[in-house]
C-alpha atoms as a PDB file:
ATOM      1  CA  MET A   1      30.134  13.539 203.066  1.00  0.00           C
ATOM      2  CA  LYS A   2      28.056  16.600 202.241  1.00  0.00           C
ATOM      3  CA  ILE A   3      24.415  16.522 201.154  1.00  0.00           C
ATOM      4  CA  ARG A   4      25.450  17.995 197.806  1.00  0.00           C
ATOM      5  CA  ASP A   5      27.874  15.096 197.180  1.00  0.00           C
ATOM      6  CA  ILE A   6      25.197  12.546 198.086  1.00  0.00           C
ATOM      7  CA  SER A   7      22.658  14.118 195.730  1.00  0.00           C
ATOM      8  CA  ASN A   8      25.220  14.082 192.895  1.00  0.00           C
ATOM      9  CA  LEU A   9      25.903  10.368 193.549  1.00  0.00           C
ATOM     10  CA  VAL A  10      22.176   9.616 193.509  1.00  0.00           C
ATOM     11  CA  LEU A  11      21.819  11.536 190.245  1.00  0.00           C
ATOM     12  CA  VAL A  12      24.711   9.614 188.638  1.00  0.00           C
ATOM     13  CA  ALA A  13      23.234   6.315 189.852  1.00  0.00           C
ATOM     14  CA  LEU A  14      19.846   7.185 188.327  1.00  0.00           C
ATOM     15  CA  VAL A  15      21.413   8.125 184.996  1.00  0.00           C
ATOM     16  CA  LEU A  16      23.433   4.885 184.890  1.00  0.00           C
ATOM     17  CA  PHE A  17      20.347   2.852 185.792  1.00  0.00           C
ATOM     18  CA  SER A  18      18.318   4.546 183.028  1.00  0.00           C
ATOM     19  CA  LEU A  19      21.030   3.892 180.442  1.00  0.00           C
ATOM     20  CA  THR A  20      21.313   0.254 181.513  1.00  0.00           C
ATOM     21  CA  MET A  21      17.567  -0.247 181.179  1.00  0.00           C
ATOM     22  CA  ALA A  22      17.459   1.464 177.790  1.00  0.00           C
ATOM     23  CA  CYS A  23      20.294  -0.697 176.437  1.00  0.00           C
ATOM     24  CA  SER A  24      18.908  -3.948 177.791  1.00  0.00           C
ATOM     25  CA  SER A  25      15.427  -3.564 176.346  1.00  0.00           C
ATOM     26  CA  THR A  26      15.013  -5.342 173.024  1.00  0.00           C
ATOM     27  CA  LYS A  27      12.464  -4.466 170.435  1.00  0.00           C
ATOM     28  CA  THR A  28      10.895  -7.259 168.433  1.00  0.00           C
ATOM     29  CA  VAL A  29      10.502  -6.394 164.774  1.00  0.00           C
ATOM     30  CA  LYS A  30       7.817  -8.325 162.948  1.00  0.00           C
ATOM     31  CA  GLU A  31       9.034  -9.525 159.567  1.00  0.00           C
ATOM     32  CA  ARG A  32       6.772  -8.571 156.696  1.00  0.00           C
ATOM     33  CA  PRO A  33       5.935 -11.515 154.416  1.00  0.00           C
ATOM     34  CA  TYR A  34       6.229 -11.348 150.636  1.00  0.00           C
ATOM     35  CA  LYS A  35       2.804 -11.712 148.998  1.00  0.00           C
ATOM     36  CA  GLY A  36       3.746 -11.424 145.328  1.00  0.00           C
ATOM     37  CA  GLN A  37       5.939 -13.817 143.387  1.00  0.00           C
ATOM     38  CA  ALA A  38       6.761 -14.173 139.706  1.00  0.00           C
ATOM     39  CA  GLY A  39       9.103 -16.690 138.140  1.00  0.00           C
ATOM     40  CA  HIS A  40      10.347 -16.747 134.579  1.00  0.00           C
ATOM     41  CA  THR A  41      12.697 -18.887 132.510  1.00  0.00           C
ATOM     42  CA  PHE A  42      14.965 -16.630 130.481  1.00  0.00           C
ATOM     43  CA  ILE A  43      16.358 -18.202 127.294  1.00  0.00           C
ATOM     44  CA  ASN A  44      18.921 -16.449 125.117  1.00  0.00           C
ATOM     45  CA  GLU A  45      17.747 -16.622 121.504  1.00  0.00           C
ATOM     46  CA  GLU A  46      19.702 -13.567 120.337  1.00  0.00           C
ATOM     47  CA  GLY A  47      22.488 -15.420 118.543  1.00  0.00           C
ATOM     48  CA  ALA A  48      25.080 -13.644 120.728  1.00  0.00           C
ATOM     49  CA  VAL A  49      26.636 -14.322 124.098  1.00  0.00           C
ATOM     50  CA  ALA A  50      24.908 -12.537 126.985  1.00  0.00           C
ATOM     51  CA  PHE A  51      26.649 -11.201 130.104  1.00  0.00           C
ATOM     52  CA  GLY A  52      23.660  -9.614 131.791  1.00  0.00           C
ATOM     53  CA  LEU A  53      19.901  -9.284 131.990  1.00  0.00           C
ATOM     54  CA  VAL A  54      17.491  -6.426 132.708  1.00  0.00           C
ATOM     55  CA  VAL A  55      14.014  -7.218 134.037  1.00  0.00           C
ATOM     56  CA  GLN A  56      11.233  -4.654 134.469  1.00  0.00           C
ATOM     57  CA  VAL A  57       8.342  -5.518 136.797  1.00  0.00           C
ATOM     58  CA  ASN A  58       5.063  -3.773 137.604  1.00  0.00           C
ATOM     59  CA  GLN A  59       5.946  -3.002 141.251  1.00  0.00           C
ATOM     60  CA  SER A  60       8.971  -2.851 143.532  1.00  0.00           C
ATOM     61  CA  ALA A  61      10.520  -6.306 143.794  1.00  0.00           C
ATOM     62  CA  VAL A  62      13.636  -8.254 144.718  1.00  0.00           C
ATOM     63  CA  VAL A  63      15.242 -11.159 142.915  1.00  0.00           C
ATOM     64  CA  VAL A  64      15.636 -14.312 144.994  1.00  0.00           C
ATOM     65  CA  THR A  65      19.294 -15.126 145.622  1.00  0.00           C
ATOM     66  CA  ASP A  66      21.019 -18.297 146.747  1.00  0.00           C
ATOM     67  CA  PRO A  67      21.678 -17.992 150.505  1.00  0.00           C
ATOM     68  CA  GLN A  68      25.076 -19.713 150.182  1.00  0.00           C
ATOM     69  CA  SER A  69      26.574 -17.856 147.216  1.00  0.00           C
ATOM     70  CA  GLY A  70      24.478 -14.677 147.228  1.00  0.00           C
ATOM     71  CA  MET A  71      24.024 -15.091 143.481  1.00  0.00           C
ATOM     72  CA  ALA A  72      20.784 -14.695 141.533  1.00  0.00           C
ATOM     73  CA  GLY A  73      20.953 -17.613 139.137  1.00  0.00           C
ATOM     74  CA  PRO A  74      24.301 -17.225 137.391  1.00  0.00           C
ATOM     75  CA  PHE A  75      24.632 -13.521 138.251  1.00  0.00           C
ATOM     76  CA  LYS A  76      27.117 -12.108 140.757  1.00  0.00           C
ATOM     77  CA  ASN A  77      25.914  -8.506 140.511  1.00  0.00           C
ATOM     78  CA  VAL A  78      22.322  -7.427 141.163  1.00  0.00           C
ATOM     79  CA  GLN A  79      21.353  -3.767 140.968  1.00  0.00           C
ATOM     80  CA  GLY A  80      17.932  -2.316 141.614  1.00  0.00           C
ATOM     81  CA  ASN A  81      16.595  -4.714 144.253  1.00  0.00           C
ATOM     82  CA  GLY A  82      13.549  -3.011 145.742  1.00  0.00           C
ATOM     83  CA  THR A  83      12.753  -1.124 142.507  1.00  0.00           C
ATOM     84  CA  THR A  84      10.831  -1.909 139.328  1.00  0.00           C
ATOM     85  CA  ARG A  85      13.973  -2.344 137.204  1.00  0.00           C
ATOM     86  CA  LEU A  86      16.483  -5.021 138.173  1.00  0.00           C
ATOM     87  CA  THR A  87      19.794  -5.375 136.369  1.00  0.00           C
ATOM     88  CA  MET A  88      21.812  -8.543 136.833  1.00  0.00           C
ATOM     89  CA  SER A  89      25.263  -9.075 135.402  1.00  0.00           C
ATOM     90  CA  ASN A  90      28.465 -11.026 135.509  1.00  0.00           C
ATOM     91  CA  PRO A  91      30.701  -9.137 133.061  1.00  0.00           C
ATOM     92  CA  ALA A  92      33.704 -11.438 133.567  1.00  0.00           C
ATOM     93  CA  GLN A  93      31.846 -14.555 132.428  1.00  0.00           C
ATOM     94  CA  ALA A  94      29.357 -15.341 129.664  1.00  0.00           C
ATOM     95  CA  ILE A  95      25.962 -16.142 131.206  1.00  0.00           C
ATOM     96  CA  ALA A  96      23.844 -17.435 128.385  1.00  0.00           C
ATOM     97  CA  VAL A  97      25.072 -18.561 124.997  1.00  0.00           C
ATOM     98  CA  GLY A  98      22.450 -18.900 122.260  1.00  0.00           C
ATOM     99  CA  GLY A  99      19.685 -21.260 123.349  1.00  0.00           C
ATOM    100  CA  GLU A 100      20.814 -21.521 126.980  1.00  0.00           C
ATOM    101  CA  GLY A 101      18.704 -20.250 129.811  1.00  0.00           C
ATOM    102  CA  PHE A 102      17.815 -20.369 133.511  1.00  0.00           C
ATOM    103  CA  ARG A 103      14.957 -19.541 135.846  1.00  0.00           C
ATOM    104  CA  LEU A 104      14.788 -16.568 138.228  1.00  0.00           C
ATOM    105  CA  ILE A 105      12.173 -15.803 140.863  1.00  0.00           C
ATOM    106  CA  PHE A 106      11.142 -12.300 141.912  1.00  0.00           C
ATOM    107  CA  ARG A 107       9.194 -11.348 145.047  1.00  0.00           C
ATOM    108  CA  SER A 108       7.285  -8.289 146.230  1.00  0.00           C
ATOM    109  CA  TYR A 109       5.380  -7.291 149.359  1.00  0.00           C
ATOM    110  CA  PRO A 110       2.070  -6.611 147.588  1.00  0.00           C
ATOM    111  CA  SER A 111       0.489  -9.397 145.553  1.00  0.00           C
ATOM    112  CA  GLY A 112       0.061  -9.165 141.783  1.00  0.00           C
ATOM    113  CA  LEU A 113       3.736  -9.076 140.782  1.00  0.00           C
ATOM    114  CA  GLN A 114       4.223  -9.359 137.004  1.00  0.00           C
ATOM    115  CA  ILE A 115       7.222  -9.214 134.711  1.00  0.00           C
ATOM    116  CA  ARG A 116       6.576  -6.461 132.168  1.00  0.00           C
ATOM    117  CA  SER A 117       9.642  -6.752 129.951  1.00  0.00           C
ATOM    118  CA  TRP A 118      13.202  -8.026 129.834  1.00  0.00           C
ATOM    119  CA  TRP A 119      16.293  -8.018 127.633  1.00  0.00           C
ATOM    120  CA  TRP A 120      19.817  -9.382 127.512  1.00  0.00           C
ATOM    121  CA  LEU A 121      22.990  -7.308 127.886  1.00  0.00           C
ATOM    122  CA  ASP A 122      26.326  -7.684 126.154  1.00  0.00           C
ATOM    123  CA  GLN A 123      29.672  -7.486 127.965  1.00  0.00           C
ATOM    124  CA  LYS A 124      29.637  -3.670 127.799  1.00  0.00           C
ATOM    125  CA  GLY A 125      26.116  -3.444 129.255  1.00  0.00           C
ATOM    126  CA  LYS A 126      24.364  -2.630 125.973  1.00  0.00           C
ATOM    127  CA  ARG A 127      21.078  -4.278 125.020  1.00  0.00           C
ATOM    128  CA  LEU A 128      21.192  -7.371 122.814  1.00  0.00           C
ATOM    129  CA  GLY A 129      18.217  -7.649 120.466  1.00  0.00           C
ATOM    130  CA  LYS A 130      14.713  -6.456 121.269  1.00  0.00           C
ATOM    131  CA  LYS A 131      12.825  -6.102 124.552  1.00  0.00           C
ATOM    132  CA  LYS A 132      10.679  -9.111 125.305  1.00  0.00           C
ATOM    133  CA  SER A 133       7.295  -8.972 127.016  1.00  0.00           C
ATOM    134  CA  GLY A 134       6.412 -10.876 130.209  1.00  0.00           C
END
């Protein structure tokens, strides 16, 4: 075997060793805790069937979902998690008939989370009635 062949083998061995070490090292990521939380009971008093809900908050937030179903309350679809405007819907099924309601919880990384306004949506995604505060 020539010296050149041996040096190439050593080089290949070093590269493989480096790749193995890089792949086997694991990085621990510290999970950031939520500090803000706001819950609200939403009751449909519009006199019409609702299929969705829009909630505006004062800072970026997520709605808490059921770990088994992935649903937020009765809603299958959640848009806007991580923003200040969250839209939840289930257009195939009525969510809240007049007088019915449910509770949702929202969380944020900074403290001081507040619900600014909210309103119901009809089956086509249009607002039902007026915006409500808090």
